């Protein structure tokens, strides 16, 4: 894959070819996302980088499909999230970043 946008485009093409965007529903994809997060959790618990990478990748695939079902691009979702956090200030409290507004 050449760049991230190519990856998302390829994921959408793969999902369309398998009728996952129109043939599935957002609630089913959300359940699939939770399953993939569970697999990521297993990787973290076992400290296995292969399972961690697989879980993150699978979750991104499902999120890409979920975004397409709502007729938005995941790239736009990520851009929107970044615009929201880019200037955020806060501090770490017991290993968790807490934004200033919540302190």
PDB file of N, CA and C in Angstrom:
ATOM      1  N   UNK A   1       0.827  -1.179   0.000  1.00  0.00           N
ATOM      2  CA  UNK A   1       0.000   0.000   0.000  1.00  0.00           C
ATOM      3  C   UNK A   1       0.874   1.246   0.000  1.00  0.00           C
ATOM      4  N   UNK A   2       0.509   2.195  -0.817  1.00  0.00           N
ATOM      5  CA  UNK A   2       1.346   3.383  -0.953  1.00  0.00           C
ATOM      6  C   UNK A   2       1.121   4.387   0.170  1.00  0.00           C
ATOM      7  N   UNK A   3      -0.109   4.654   0.517  1.00  0.00           N
ATOM      8  CA  UNK A   3      -0.374   5.594   1.603  1.00  0.00           C
ATOM      9  C   UNK A   3      -1.668   5.228   2.309  1.00  0.00           C
ATOM     10  N   UNK A   4      -1.944   5.955   3.354  1.00  0.00           N
ATOM     11  CA  UNK A   4      -3.116   5.652   4.175  1.00  0.00           C
ATOM     12  C   UNK A   4      -4.411   5.769   3.392  1.00  0.00           C
ATOM     13  N   UNK A   5      -4.537   6.802   2.560  1.00  0.00           N
ATOM     14  CA  UNK A   5      -5.759   6.956   1.779  1.00  0.00           C
ATOM     15  C   UNK A   5      -5.971   5.773   0.844  1.00  0.00           C
ATOM     16  N   UNK A   6      -4.887   5.236   0.285  1.00  0.00           N
ATOM     17  CA  UNK A   6      -4.998   4.032  -0.542  1.00  0.00           C
ATOM     18  C   UNK A   6      -5.524   2.869   0.292  1.00  0.00           C
ATOM     19  N   UNK A   7      -5.056   2.753   1.511  1.00  0.00           N
ATOM     20  CA  UNK A   7      -5.504   1.661   2.388  1.00  0.00           C
ATOM     21  C   UNK A   7      -7.002   1.756   2.625  1.00  0.00           C
ATOM     22  N   UNK A   8      -7.487   2.940   2.948  1.00  0.00           N
ATOM     23  CA  UNK A   8      -8.926   3.100   3.191  1.00  0.00           C
ATOM     24  C   UNK A   8      -9.731   2.837   1.921  1.00  0.00           C
ATOM     25  N   UNK A   9      -9.228   3.297   0.783  1.00  0.00           N
ATOM     26  CA  UNK A   9      -9.902   3.056  -0.495  1.00  0.00           C
ATOM     27  C   UNK A   9      -9.960   1.554  -0.774  1.00  0.00           C
ATOM     28  N   UNK A  10      -8.864   0.852  -0.525  1.00  0.00           N
ATOM     29  CA  UNK A  10      -8.826  -0.589  -0.752  1.00  0.00           C
ATOM     30  C   UNK A  10      -9.766  -1.333   0.201  1.00  0.00           C
ATOM     31  N   UNK A  11      -9.836  -0.884   1.447  1.00  0.00           N
ATOM     32  CA  UNK A  11     -10.758  -1.506   2.410  1.00  0.00           C
ATOM     33  C   UNK A  11     -12.192  -1.325   1.941  1.00  0.00           C
ATOM     34  N   UNK A  12     -12.544  -0.097   1.509  1.00  0.00           N
ATOM     35  CA  UNK A  12     -13.915   0.145   1.027  1.00  0.00           C
ATOM     36  C   UNK A  12     -14.223  -0.728  -0.188  1.00  0.00           C
ATOM     37  N   UNK A  13     -13.260  -0.867  -1.111  1.00  0.00           N
ATOM     38  CA  UNK A  13     -13.465  -1.718  -2.276  1.00  0.00           C
ATOM     39  C   UNK A  13     -13.668  -3.169  -1.889  1.00  0.00           C
ATOM     40  N   UNK A  14     -12.858  -3.633  -0.943  1.00  0.00           N
ATOM     41  CA  UNK A  14     -12.984  -5.005  -0.444  1.00  0.00           C
ATOM     42  C   UNK A  14     -14.360  -5.219   0.180  1.00  0.00           C
ATOM     43  N   UNK A  15     -14.795  -4.247   0.989  1.00  0.00           N
ATOM     44  CA  UNK A  15     -16.089  -4.356   1.668  1.00  0.00           C
ATOM     45  C   UNK A  15     -17.251  -4.293   0.681  1.00  0.00           C
ATOM     46  N   UNK A  16     -17.146  -3.431  -0.320  1.00  0.00           N
ATOM     47  CA  UNK A  16     -18.205  -3.339  -1.338  1.00  0.00           C
ATOM     48  C   UNK A  16     -18.314  -4.645  -2.113  1.00  0.00           C
ATOM     49  N   UNK A  17     -17.182  -5.233  -2.461  1.00  0.00           N
ATOM     50  CA  UNK A  17     -17.180  -6.489  -3.218  1.00  0.00           C
ATOM     51  C   UNK A  17     -17.832  -7.623  -2.434  1.00  0.00           C
ATOM     52  N   UNK A  18     -17.835  -7.506  -1.120  1.00  0.00           N
ATOM     53  CA  UNK A  18     -18.416  -8.542  -0.270  1.00  0.00           C
ATOM     54  C   UNK A  18     -19.766  -8.131   0.307  1.00  0.00           C
ATOM     55  N   UNK A  19     -20.311  -7.031  -0.210  1.00  0.00           N
ATOM     56  CA  UNK A  19     -21.629  -6.528   0.182  1.00  0.00           C
ATOM     57  C   UNK A  19     -21.726  -6.219   1.676  1.00  0.00           C
ATOM     58  N   UNK A  20     -20.616  -5.799   2.276  1.00  0.00           N
ATOM     59  CA  UNK A  20     -20.621  -5.496   3.709  1.00  0.00           C
ATOM     60  C   UNK A  20     -21.152  -4.099   4.016  1.00  0.00           C
ATOM     61  N   UNK A  21     -21.103  -3.204   3.048  1.00  0.00           N
ATOM     62  CA  UNK A  21     -21.547  -1.831   3.309  1.00  0.00           C
ATOM     63  C   UNK A  21     -23.071  -1.748   3.207  1.00  0.00           C
ATOM     64  N   UNK A  22     -23.629  -2.240   2.126  1.00  0.00           N
ATOM     65  CA  UNK A  22     -25.081  -2.170   1.938  1.00  0.00           C
ATOM     66  C   UNK A  22     -25.796  -3.418   2.471  1.00  0.00           C
ATOM     67  N   UNK A  23     -25.095  -4.538   2.515  1.00  0.00           N
ATOM     68  CA  UNK A  23     -25.732  -5.797   2.907  1.00  0.00           C
ATOM     69  C   UNK A  23     -25.707  -6.072   4.396  1.00  0.00           C
ATOM     70  N   UNK A  24     -24.951  -5.273   5.125  1.00  0.00           N
ATOM     71  CA  UNK A  24     -24.900  -5.393   6.578  1.00  0.00           C
ATOM     72  C   UNK A  24     -25.538  -4.140   7.160  1.00  0.00           C
ATOM     73  N   UNK A  25     -25.628  -4.079   8.459  1.00  0.00           N
ATOM     74  CA  UNK A  25     -26.218  -2.899   9.090  1.00  0.00           C
ATOM     75  C   UNK A  25     -25.220  -2.332  10.096  1.00  0.00           C
ATOM     76  N   UNK A  26     -25.360  -1.045  10.408  1.00  0.00           N
ATOM     77  CA  UNK A  26     -24.456  -0.451  11.387  1.00  0.00           C
ATOM     78  C   UNK A  26     -24.451  -1.176  12.728  1.00  0.00           C
ATOM     79  N   UNK A  27     -25.604  -1.655  13.169  1.00  0.00           N
ATOM     80  CA  UNK A  27     -25.613  -2.346  14.463  1.00  0.00           C
ATOM     81  C   UNK A  27     -24.820  -3.649  14.401  1.00  0.00           C
ATOM     82  N   UNK A  28     -24.855  -4.345  13.268  1.00  0.00           N
ATOM     83  CA  UNK A  28     -24.058  -5.573  13.109  1.00  0.00           C
ATOM     84  C   UNK A  28     -22.570  -5.239  13.052  1.00  0.00           C
ATOM     85  N   UNK A  29     -22.223  -4.143  12.378  1.00  0.00           N
ATOM     86  CA  UNK A  29     -20.826  -3.747  12.318  1.00  0.00           C
ATOM     87  C   UNK A  29     -20.324  -3.283  13.687  1.00  0.00           C
ATOM     88  N   UNK A  30     -21.190  -2.660  14.456  1.00  0.00           N
ATOM     89  CA  UNK A  30     -20.790  -2.254  15.803  1.00  0.00           C
ATOM     90  C   UNK A  30     -20.490  -3.483  16.663  1.00  0.00           C
ATOM     91  N   UNK A  31     -21.318  -4.510  16.544  1.00  0.00           N
ATOM     92  CA  UNK A  31     -21.068  -5.761  17.269  1.00  0.00           C
ATOM     93  C   UNK A  31     -19.721  -6.355  16.830  1.00  0.00           C
ATOM     94  N   UNK A  32     -19.451  -6.302  15.524  1.00  0.00           N
ATOM     95  CA  UNK A  32     -18.169  -6.803  15.002  1.00  0.00           C
ATOM     96  C   UNK A  32     -17.014  -5.981  15.561  1.00  0.00           C
ATOM     97  N   UNK A  33     -17.198  -4.671  15.683  1.00  0.00           N
ATOM     98  CA  UNK A  33     -16.160  -3.809  16.249  1.00  0.00           C
ATOM     99  C   UNK A  33     -15.850  -4.212  17.682  1.00  0.00           C
ATOM    100  N   UNK A  34     -16.864  -4.471  18.467  1.00  0.00           N
ATOM    101  CA  UNK A  34     -16.661  -4.890  19.859  1.00  0.00           C
ATOM    102  C   UNK A  34     -15.912  -6.214  19.897  1.00  0.00           C
ATOM    103  N   UNK A  35     -16.229  -7.128  18.984  1.00  0.00           N
ATOM    104  CA  UNK A  35     -15.501  -8.406  18.898  1.00  0.00           C
ATOM    105  C   UNK A  35     -14.014  -8.158  18.617  1.00  0.00           C
ATOM    106  N   UNK A  36     -13.736  -7.264  17.680  1.00  0.00           N
ATOM    107  CA  UNK A  36     -12.337  -6.972  17.341  1.00  0.00           C
ATOM    108  C   UNK A  36     -11.620  -6.289  18.498  1.00  0.00           C
ATOM    109  N   UNK A  37     -12.304  -5.437  19.226  1.00  0.00           N
ATOM    110  CA  UNK A  37     -11.717  -4.790  20.401  1.00  0.00           C
ATOM    111  C   UNK A  37     -11.417  -5.842  21.472  1.00  0.00           C
ATOM    112  N   UNK A  38     -12.269  -6.851  21.573  1.00  0.00           N
ATOM    113  CA  UNK A  38     -12.000  -7.957  22.488  1.00  0.00           C
ATOM    114  C   UNK A  38     -10.720  -8.689  22.121  1.00  0.00           C
ATOM    115  N   UNK A  39     -10.511  -8.893  20.820  1.00  0.00           N
ATOM    116  CA  UNK A  39      -9.277  -9.540  20.369  1.00  0.00           C
ATOM    117  C   UNK A  39      -8.064  -8.656  20.655  1.00  0.00           C
ATOM    118  N   UNK A  40      -8.223  -7.360  20.497  1.00  0.00           N
ATOM    119  CA  UNK A  40      -7.150  -6.423  20.841  1.00  0.00           C
ATOM    120  C   UNK A  40      -6.845  -6.507  22.333  1.00  0.00           C
ATOM    121  N   UNK A  41      -7.875  -6.589  23.128  1.00  0.00           N
ATOM    122  CA  UNK A  41      -7.710  -6.719  24.577  1.00  0.00           C
ATOM    123  C   UNK A  41      -6.921  -7.975  24.934  1.00  0.00           C
ATOM    124  N   UNK A  42      -7.217  -9.061  24.239  1.00  0.00           N
ATOM    125  CA  UNK A  42      -6.474 -10.302  24.466  1.00  0.00           C
ATOM    126  C   UNK A  42      -4.992 -10.106  24.156  1.00  0.00           C
ATOM    127  N   UNK A  43      -4.702  -9.430  23.047  1.00  0.00           N
ATOM    128  CA  UNK A  43      -3.318  -9.171  22.680  1.00  0.00           C
ATOM    129  C   UNK A  43      -2.594  -8.334  23.717  1.00  0.00           C
ATOM    130  N   UNK A  44      -3.283  -7.323  24.235  1.00  0.00           N
ATOM    131  CA  UNK A  44      -2.684  -6.477  25.268  1.00  0.00           C
ATOM    132  C   UNK A  44      -2.450  -7.286  26.537  1.00  0.00           C
ATOM    133  N   UNK A  45      -3.436  -8.075  26.914  1.00  0.00           N
ATOM    134  CA  UNK A  45      -3.309  -8.885  28.130  1.00  0.00           C
ATOM    135  C   UNK A  45      -2.151  -9.872  28.025  1.00  0.00           C
ATOM    136  N   UNK A  46      -1.955 -10.430  26.836  1.00  0.00           N
ATOM    137  CA  UNK A  46      -0.895 -11.411  26.633  1.00  0.00           C
ATOM    138  C   UNK A  46       0.425 -10.761  26.206  1.00  0.00           C
ATOM    139  N   UNK A  47       0.402  -9.443  26.038  1.00  0.00           N
ATOM    140  CA  UNK A  47       1.575  -8.688  25.587  1.00  0.00           C
ATOM    141  C   UNK A  47       2.149  -9.276  24.297  1.00  0.00           C
ATOM    142  N   UNK A  48       1.234  -9.548  23.345  1.00  0.00           N
ATOM    143  CA  UNK A  48       1.629 -10.119  22.054  1.00  0.00           C
ATOM    144  C   UNK A  48       1.408  -9.081  20.965  1.00  0.00           C
ATOM    145  N   UNK A  49       2.485  -8.556  20.443  1.00  0.00           N
ATOM    146  CA  UNK A  49       2.405  -7.485  19.454  1.00  0.00           C
ATOM    147  C   UNK A  49       1.682  -7.934  18.193  1.00  0.00           C
ATOM    148  N   UNK A  50       1.797  -9.216  17.817  1.00  0.00           N
ATOM    149  CA  UNK A  50       1.096  -9.698  16.626  1.00  0.00           C
ATOM    150  C   UNK A  50      -0.412  -9.606  16.798  1.00  0.00           C
ATOM    151  N   UNK A  51      -0.913  -9.980  17.978  1.00  0.00           N
ATOM    152  CA  UNK A  51      -2.351  -9.887  18.250  1.00  0.00           C
ATOM    153  C   UNK A  51      -2.795  -8.435  18.392  1.00  0.00           C
ATOM    154  N   UNK A  52      -1.943  -7.608  18.963  1.00  0.00           N
ATOM    155  CA  UNK A  52      -2.257  -6.183  19.105  1.00  0.00           C
ATOM    156  C   UNK A  52      -2.390  -5.548  17.719  1.00  0.00           C
ATOM    157  N   UNK A  53      -1.434  -5.795  16.860  1.00  0.00           N
ATOM    158  CA  UNK A  53      -1.483  -5.222  15.511  1.00  0.00           C
ATOM    159  C   UNK A  53      -2.695  -5.736  14.734  1.00  0.00           C
ATOM    160  N   UNK A  54      -2.986  -7.023  14.856  1.00  0.00           N
ATOM    161  CA  UNK A  54      -4.142  -7.601  14.174  1.00  0.00           C
ATOM    162  C   UNK A  54      -5.438  -6.980  14.690  1.00  0.00           C
ATOM    163  N   UNK A  55      -5.552  -6.831  16.003  1.00  0.00           N
ATOM    164  CA  UNK A  55      -6.762  -6.246  16.592  1.00  0.00           C
ATOM    165  C   UNK A  55      -6.968  -4.804  16.173  1.00  0.00           C
ATOM    166  N   UNK A  56      -5.895  -4.022  16.168  1.00  0.00           N
ATOM    167  CA  UNK A  56      -5.997  -2.626  15.736  1.00  0.00           C
ATOM    168  C   UNK A  56      -6.387  -2.579  14.261  1.00  0.00           C
ATOM    169  N   UNK A  57      -5.718  -3.361  13.440  1.00  0.00           N
ATOM    170  CA  UNK A  57      -6.031  -3.376  12.009  1.00  0.00           C
ATOM    171  C   UNK A  57      -7.462  -3.793  11.733  1.00  0.00           C
ATOM    172  N   UNK A  58      -7.909  -4.854  12.388  1.00  0.00           N
ATOM    173  CA  UNK A  58      -9.283  -5.316  12.190  1.00  0.00           C
ATOM    174  C   UNK A  58     -10.298  -4.270  12.641  1.00  0.00           C
ATOM    175  N   UNK A  59     -10.015  -3.590  13.745  1.00  0.00           N
ATOM    176  CA  UNK A  59     -10.917  -2.544  14.224  1.00  0.00           C
ATOM    177  C   UNK A  59     -10.995  -1.396  13.221  1.00  0.00           C
ATOM    178  N   UNK A  60      -9.871  -1.032  12.624  1.00  0.00           N
ATOM    179  CA  UNK A  60      -9.861   0.035  11.616  1.00  0.00           C
ATOM    180  C   UNK A  60     -10.677  -0.387  10.387  1.00  0.00           C
ATOM    181  N   UNK A  61     -10.568  -1.645   9.986  1.00  0.00           N
ATOM    182  CA  UNK A  61     -11.368  -2.139   8.864  1.00  0.00           C
ATOM    183  C   UNK A  61     -12.855  -1.992   9.184  1.00  0.00           C
ATOM    184  N   UNK A  62     -13.262  -2.429  10.352  1.00  0.00           N
ATOM    185  CA  UNK A  62     -14.679  -2.349  10.718  1.00  0.00           C
ATOM    186  C   UNK A  62     -15.130  -0.888  10.825  1.00  0.00           C
ATOM    187  N   UNK A  63     -14.305  -0.028  11.394  1.00  0.00           N
ATOM    188  CA  UNK A  63     -14.649   1.392  11.479  1.00  0.00           C
ATOM    189  C   UNK A  63     -14.781   2.010  10.090  1.00  0.00           C
ATOM    190  N   UNK A  64     -13.952   1.579   9.147  1.00  0.00           N
ATOM    191  CA  UNK A  64     -14.034   2.071   7.770  1.00  0.00           C
ATOM    192  C   UNK A  64     -15.363   1.671   7.147  1.00  0.00           C
ATOM    193  N   UNK A  65     -15.774   0.435   7.381  1.00  0.00           N
ATOM    194  CA  UNK A  65     -17.064  -0.052   6.876  1.00  0.00           C
ATOM    195  C   UNK A  65     -18.204   0.707   7.538  1.00  0.00           C
ATOM    196  N   UNK A  66     -18.133   0.882   8.833  1.00  0.00           N
ATOM    197  CA  UNK A  66     -19.178   1.599   9.573  1.00  0.00           C
ATOM    198  C   UNK A  66     -19.325   3.028   9.057  1.00  0.00           C
ATOM    199  N   UNK A  67     -18.210   3.695   8.834  1.00  0.00           N
ATOM    200  CA  UNK A  67     -18.259   5.059   8.280  1.00  0.00           C
ATOM    201  C   UNK A  67     -18.939   5.045   6.914  1.00  0.00           C
ATOM    202  N   UNK A  68     -18.567   4.087   6.060  1.00  0.00           N
ATOM    203  CA  UNK A  68     -19.164   4.005   4.720  1.00  0.00           C
ATOM    204  C   UNK A  68     -20.659   3.751   4.793  1.00  0.00           C
ATOM    205  N   UNK A  69     -21.095   2.985   5.772  1.00  0.00           N
ATOM    206  CA  UNK A  69     -22.531   2.742   5.921  1.00  0.00           C
ATOM    207  C   UNK A  69     -23.285   4.039   6.229  1.00  0.00           C
ATOM    208  N   UNK A  70     -22.617   4.951   6.900  1.00  0.00           N
ATOM    209  CA  UNK A  70     -23.220   6.252   7.194  1.00  0.00           C
ATOM    210  C   UNK A  70     -22.871   7.293   6.127  1.00  0.00           C
ATOM    211  N   UNK A  71     -22.289   6.816   5.022  1.00  0.00           N
ATOM    212  CA  UNK A  71     -21.946   7.639   3.866  1.00  0.00           C
ATOM    213  C   UNK A  71     -21.005   8.787   4.209  1.00  0.00           C
ATOM    214  N   UNK A  72     -20.037   8.485   5.075  1.00  0.00           N
ATOM    215  CA  UNK A  72     -18.944   9.402   5.372  1.00  0.00           C
ATOM    216  C   UNK A  72     -17.640   8.629   5.178  1.00  0.00           C
ATOM    217  N   UNK A  73     -16.577   9.343   4.921  1.00  0.00           N
ATOM    218  CA  UNK A  73     -15.265   8.711   4.792  1.00  0.00           C
ATOM    219  C   UNK A  73     -14.570   8.707   6.134  1.00  0.00           C
ATOM    220  N   UNK A  74     -13.929   7.604   6.443  1.00  0.00           N
ATOM    221  CA  UNK A  74     -13.192   7.527   7.701  1.00  0.00           C
ATOM    222  C   UNK A  74     -12.090   8.574   7.751  1.00  0.00           C
ATOM    223  N   UNK A  75     -11.525   8.918   6.582  1.00  0.00           N
ATOM    224  CA  UNK A  75     -10.504   9.962   6.545  1.00  0.00           C
ATOM    225  C   UNK A  75     -11.049  11.279   7.095  1.00  0.00           C
ATOM    226  N   UNK A  76     -12.303  11.588   6.741  1.00  0.00           N
ATOM    227  CA  UNK A  76     -12.929  12.814   7.245  1.00  0.00           C
ATOM    228  C   UNK A  76     -13.188  12.716   8.751  1.00  0.00           C
ATOM    229  N   UNK A  77     -13.568  11.530   9.209  1.00  0.00           N
ATOM    230  CA  UNK A  77     -13.793  11.321  10.651  1.00  0.00           C
ATOM    231  C   UNK A  77     -12.494  11.539  11.424  1.00  0.00           C
ATOM    232  N   UNK A  78     -11.408  10.997  10.902  1.00  0.00           N
ATOM    233  CA  UNK A  78     -10.111  11.144  11.558  1.00  0.00           C
ATOM    234  C   UNK A  78      -9.676  12.610  11.536  1.00  0.00           C
ATOM    235  N   UNK A  79      -9.878  13.271  10.405  1.00  0.00           N
ATOM    236  CA  UNK A  79      -9.536  14.684  10.308  1.00  0.00           C
ATOM    237  C   UNK A  79     -10.327  15.532  11.288  1.00  0.00           C
ATOM    238  N   UNK A  80     -11.598  15.233  11.420  1.00  0.00           N
ATOM    239  CA  UNK A  80     -12.452  15.952  12.366  1.00  0.00           C
ATOM    240  C   UNK A  80     -11.980  15.731  13.800  1.00  0.00           C
ATOM    241  N   UNK A  81     -11.644  14.498  14.126  1.00  0.00           N
ATOM    242  CA  UNK A  81     -11.157  14.190  15.474  1.00  0.00           C
ATOM    243  C   UNK A  81      -9.837  14.900  15.749  1.00  0.00           C
ATOM    244  N   UNK A  82      -8.957  14.896  14.762  1.00  0.00           N
ATOM    245  CA  UNK A  82      -7.669  15.569  14.957  1.00  0.00           C
ATOM    246  C   UNK A  82      -7.863  17.070  15.154  1.00  0.00           C
ATOM    247  N   UNK A  83      -8.735  17.674  14.347  1.00  0.00           N
ATOM    248  CA  UNK A  83      -8.995  19.113  14.502  1.00  0.00           C
ATOM    249  C   UNK A  83      -9.496  19.423  15.909  1.00  0.00           C
ATOM    250  N   UNK A  84     -10.241  18.491  16.495  1.00  0.00           N
ATOM    251  CA  UNK A  84     -10.767  18.685  17.844  1.00  0.00           C
ATOM    252  C   UNK A  84      -9.679  18.565  18.911  1.00  0.00           C
ATOM    253  N   UNK A  85      -8.706  17.690  18.703  1.00  0.00           N
ATOM    254  CA  UNK A  85      -7.700  17.447  19.749  1.00  0.00           C
ATOM    255  C   UNK A  85      -6.389  18.186  19.565  1.00  0.00           C
ATOM    256  N   UNK A  86      -6.135  18.714  18.363  1.00  0.00           N
ATOM    257  CA  UNK A  86      -4.799  19.235  18.051  1.00  0.00           C
ATOM    258  C   UNK A  86      -4.303  20.309  19.007  1.00  0.00           C
ATOM    259  N   UNK A  87      -5.173  21.109  19.538  1.00  0.00           N
ATOM    260  CA  UNK A  87      -4.766  22.174  20.460  1.00  0.00           C
ATOM    261  C   UNK A  87      -5.175  21.882  21.906  1.00  0.00           C
ATOM    262  N   UNK A  88      -5.647  20.680  22.136  1.00  0.00           N
ATOM    263  CA  UNK A  88      -6.129  20.318  23.468  1.00  0.00           C
ATOM    264  C   UNK A  88      -4.986  20.289  24.464  1.00  0.00           C
ATOM    265  N   UNK A  89      -5.236  20.824  25.608  1.00  0.00           N
ATOM    266  CA  UNK A  89      -4.276  20.824  26.712  1.00  0.00           C
ATOM    267  C   UNK A  89      -4.872  20.040  27.864  1.00  0.00           C
ATOM    268  N   UNK A  90      -3.990  19.523  28.692  1.00  0.00           N
ATOM    269  CA  UNK A  90      -4.420  18.769  29.853  1.00  0.00           C
ATOM    270  C   UNK A  90      -3.215  18.200  30.556  1.00  0.00           C
ATOM    271  N   UNK A  91      -3.469  17.169  31.363  1.00  0.00           N
ATOM    272  CA  UNK A  91      -2.348  16.534  32.052  1.00  0.00           C
ATOM    273  C   UNK A  91      -2.648  15.064  32.276  1.00  0.00           C
ATOM    274  N   UNK A  92      -1.574  14.322  32.537  1.00  0.00           N
ATOM    275  CA  UNK A  92      -1.703  12.900  32.810  1.00  0.00           C
ATOM    276  C   UNK A  92      -2.041  12.707  34.281  1.00  0.00           C
ATOM    277  N   UNK A  93      -3.042  11.893  34.528  1.00  0.00           N
ATOM    278  CA  UNK A  93      -3.430  11.535  35.890  1.00  0.00           C
ATOM    279  C   UNK A  93      -3.490  10.015  35.939  1.00  0.00           C
ATOM    280  N   UNK A  94      -2.566   9.419  36.658  1.00  0.00           N
ATOM    281  CA  UNK A  94      -2.470   7.966  36.794  1.00  0.00           C
ATOM    282  C   UNK A  94      -2.483   7.274  35.425  1.00  0.00           C
ATOM    283  N   UNK A  95      -1.728   7.837  34.485  1.00  0.00           N
ATOM    284  CA  UNK A  95      -1.588   7.233  33.163  1.00  0.00           C
ATOM    285  C   UNK A  95      -2.704   7.540  32.182  1.00  0.00           C
ATOM    286  N   UNK A  96      -3.628   8.419  32.554  1.00  0.00           N
ATOM    287  CA  UNK A  96      -4.739   8.788  31.675  1.00  0.00           C
ATOM    288  C   UNK A  96      -4.676  10.285  31.402  1.00  0.00           C
ATOM    289  N   UNK A  97      -4.755  10.678  30.108  1.00  0.00           N
ATOM    290  CA  UNK A  97      -4.755  12.105  29.769  1.00  0.00           C
ATOM    291  C   UNK A  97      -6.127  12.684  30.066  1.00  0.00           C
ATOM    292  N   UNK A  98      -6.148  13.714  30.891  1.00  0.00           N
ATOM    293  CA  UNK A  98      -7.390  14.413  31.235  1.00  0.00           C
ATOM    294  C   UNK A  98      -7.303  15.806  30.636  1.00  0.00           C
ATOM    295  N   UNK A  99      -8.284  16.163  29.798  1.00  0.00           N
ATOM    296  CA  UNK A  99      -8.246  17.494  29.192  1.00  0.00           C
ATOM    297  C   UNK A  99      -8.558  18.551  30.243  1.00  0.00           C
ATOM    298  N   UNK A 100      -8.011  19.744  30.007  1.00  0.00           N
ATOM    299  CA  UNK A 100      -8.162  20.849  30.945  1.00  0.00           C
ATOM    300  C   UNK A 100      -9.611  21.078  31.362  1.00  0.00           C
ATOM    301  N   UNK A 101     -10.524  21.001  30.395  1.00  0.00           N
ATOM    302  CA  UNK A 101     -11.934  21.264  30.680  1.00  0.00           C
ATOM    303  C   UNK A 101     -12.509  20.291  31.722  1.00  0.00           C
ATOM    304  N   UNK A 102     -11.892  19.128  31.855  1.00  0.00           N
ATOM    305  CA  UNK A 102     -12.395  18.124  32.806  1.00  0.00           C
ATOM    306  C   UNK A 102     -11.624  18.087  34.120  1.00  0.00           C
ATOM    307  N   UNK A 103     -10.622  18.939  34.236  1.00  0.00           N
ATOM    308  CA  UNK A 103      -9.835  18.956  35.476  1.00  0.00           C
ATOM    309  C   UNK A 103     -10.509  19.797  36.542  1.00  0.00           C
TER     310      UNK A 103
END
